[in-house]
């Protein structure tokens, strides 16, 4: 439940950025493989994607073309995107589907960096 709420909150912030609010900064960690949703690539180079061109369902009637979003979704959702785009709040937006291998690599890197940090710090007030 909390993962879905976090994905919704991140999607809302990204959507606000697409409508001209320029000082929106979003940063999330890579969730474990199998947890699907938007990915903020931040300073990473463009991830490996499934299709070379973004997929757009029901384009929005706007003058400015929205920025593409990167989504990690199950293959079945990719194949029938028109049915599933509303679940991700991405109908009418250009979408790049991120490859599972890219998500797995980033998740493993994040897990590797995270180990050992908490154990090496000592409480300043602890004497012993």
Protein backbone atom coordinates (compact mmCIF):
# COMPACT_ATOMS: atom_id res chain seq x y z
CA UNK A 1 0.00 0.00 0.00
CA UNK A 2 2.77 2.44 0.92
CA UNK A 3 4.60 1.65 -2.35
CA UNK A 4 1.52 2.59 -4.36
CA UNK A 5 1.13 5.83 -2.37
CA UNK A 6 4.79 6.68 -2.97
CA UNK A 7 4.45 5.99 -6.70
CA UNK A 8 1.32 8.19 -6.81
CA UNK A 9 3.09 11.03 -4.96
CA UNK A 10 6.11 10.84 -7.25
CA UNK A 11 3.85 10.73 -10.30
CA UNK A 12 2.01 13.82 -9.08
CA UNK A 13 5.25 15.72 -8.62
CA UNK A 14 6.51 14.69 -12.05
CA UNK A 15 3.20 15.68 -13.62
CA UNK A 16 3.39 19.09 -11.92
CA UNK A 17 6.81 19.56 -13.50
CA UNK A 18 5.36 18.82 -16.93
CA UNK A 19 2.91 21.69 -16.54
CA UNK A 20 5.53 24.39 -16.15
CA UNK A 21 6.49 24.39 -12.48
CA UNK A 22 10.25 24.46 -12.90
CA UNK A 23 11.61 24.02 -9.37
CA UNK A 24 10.34 20.51 -8.79
CA UNK A 25 12.99 18.02 -7.72
CA UNK A 26 12.20 14.37 -7.21
CA UNK A 27 14.62 11.65 -6.28
CA UNK A 28 13.81 8.06 -5.41
CA UNK A 29 15.81 4.92 -4.98
CA UNK A 30 15.39 1.98 -7.27
CA UNK A 31 12.85 -0.39 -5.80
CA UNK A 32 13.41 -4.09 -5.89
CA UNK A 33 12.65 -5.85 -9.15
CA UNK A 34 8.95 -6.64 -9.36
CA UNK A 35 7.87 -3.29 -7.84
CA UNK A 36 6.60 -1.41 -10.87
CA UNK A 37 6.14 2.32 -11.44
CA UNK A 38 7.83 5.56 -12.47
CA UNK A 39 11.58 5.90 -12.28
CA UNK A 40 13.27 9.25 -11.78
CA UNK A 41 16.58 8.78 -13.57
CA UNK A 42 18.07 11.89 -11.95
CA UNK A 43 21.71 12.18 -13.02
CA UNK A 44 21.89 8.66 -14.44
CA UNK A 45 22.37 8.36 -18.19
CA UNK A 46 19.25 7.32 -20.07
CA UNK A 47 18.32 3.77 -19.02
CA UNK A 48 18.06 0.80 -21.34
CA UNK A 49 14.50 0.90 -22.69
CA UNK A 50 12.26 -1.67 -24.35
CA UNK A 51 11.26 0.46 -27.37
CA UNK A 52 13.33 3.23 -29.00
CA UNK A 53 10.37 5.65 -29.24
CA UNK A 54 8.07 6.61 -26.35
CA UNK A 55 4.52 5.24 -26.42
CA UNK A 56 1.68 7.81 -26.20
CA UNK A 57 -1.95 6.85 -25.56
CA UNK A 58 -4.66 9.53 -25.96
CA UNK A 59 -2.40 12.56 -26.49
CA UNK A 60 -3.26 15.57 -24.36
CA UNK A 61 -4.61 18.65 -26.13
CA UNK A 62 -1.71 20.92 -25.12
CA UNK A 63 0.53 23.25 -27.05
CA UNK A 64 3.72 22.10 -25.30
CA UNK A 65 4.61 18.46 -25.67
CA UNK A 66 5.11 16.91 -22.20
CA UNK A 67 8.48 15.47 -21.26
CA UNK A 68 8.72 11.70 -21.57
CA UNK A 69 8.54 9.63 -18.40
CA UNK A 70 10.40 6.40 -17.68
CA UNK A 71 8.28 3.55 -16.37
CA UNK A 72 9.13 0.09 -15.18
CA UNK A 73 6.04 -2.00 -15.87
CA UNK A 74 5.33 -5.69 -16.47
CA UNK A 75 5.65 -6.87 -20.08
CA UNK A 76 1.89 -7.50 -20.30
CA UNK A 77 1.22 -3.85 -19.42
CA UNK A 78 3.67 -2.75 -22.12
CA UNK A 79 1.92 -4.85 -24.75
CA UNK A 80 -1.53 -3.53 -23.86
CA UNK A 81 -0.52 -0.02 -22.77
CA UNK A 82 -3.86 1.60 -23.66
CA UNK A 83 -5.53 -0.60 -21.04
CA UNK A 84 -2.95 0.04 -18.30
CA UNK A 85 -1.68 3.62 -18.80
CA UNK A 86 -4.27 5.09 -16.39
CA UNK A 87 -2.97 2.88 -13.55
CA UNK A 88 0.36 4.73 -13.83
CA UNK A 89 -1.11 8.17 -14.52
CA UNK A 90 0.65 8.21 -17.87
CA UNK A 91 -2.05 8.29 -20.56
CA UNK A 92 -1.34 11.12 -22.97
CA UNK A 93 2.34 11.23 -22.05
CA UNK A 94 5.33 9.92 -23.95
CA UNK A 95 6.52 6.85 -22.06
CA UNK A 96 9.77 4.92 -22.23
CA UNK A 97 9.51 1.43 -20.75
CA UNK A 98 12.66 0.69 -18.75
CA UNK A 99 14.19 -2.76 -19.15
CA UNK A 100 14.12 -5.06 -16.13
CA UNK A 101 17.88 -5.66 -16.39
CA UNK A 102 18.53 -1.92 -15.87
CA UNK A 103 16.33 -1.87 -12.75
CA UNK A 104 17.97 -5.02 -11.37
CA UNK A 105 21.48 -3.59 -11.87
CA UNK A 106 20.61 -0.31 -10.11
CA UNK A 107 18.86 -2.18 -7.29
CA UNK A 108 21.90 -4.39 -6.74
CA UNK A 109 24.21 -1.34 -6.76
CA UNK A 110 21.99 0.39 -4.21
CA UNK A 111 21.92 -2.68 -1.98
CA UNK A 112 25.69 -3.02 -2.20
CA UNK A 113 26.23 0.65 -1.24
CA UNK A 114 23.75 0.43 1.63
CA UNK A 115 25.43 -2.47 3.45
CA UNK A 116 27.96 -1.58 6.11
CA UNK A 117 27.00 2.08 6.53
CA UNK A 118 24.88 1.63 9.66
CA UNK A 119 27.28 -0.78 11.34
CA UNK A 120 30.36 1.40 10.98
CA UNK A 121 28.88 4.45 12.75
CA UNK A 122 29.11 4.67 16.52
CA UNK A 123 26.90 6.73 18.79
CA UNK A 124 28.88 9.77 19.98
CA UNK A 125 27.40 9.49 23.47
CA UNK A 126 28.18 5.80 23.84
CA UNK A 127 31.37 5.12 25.77
CA UNK A 128 32.80 1.73 25.57
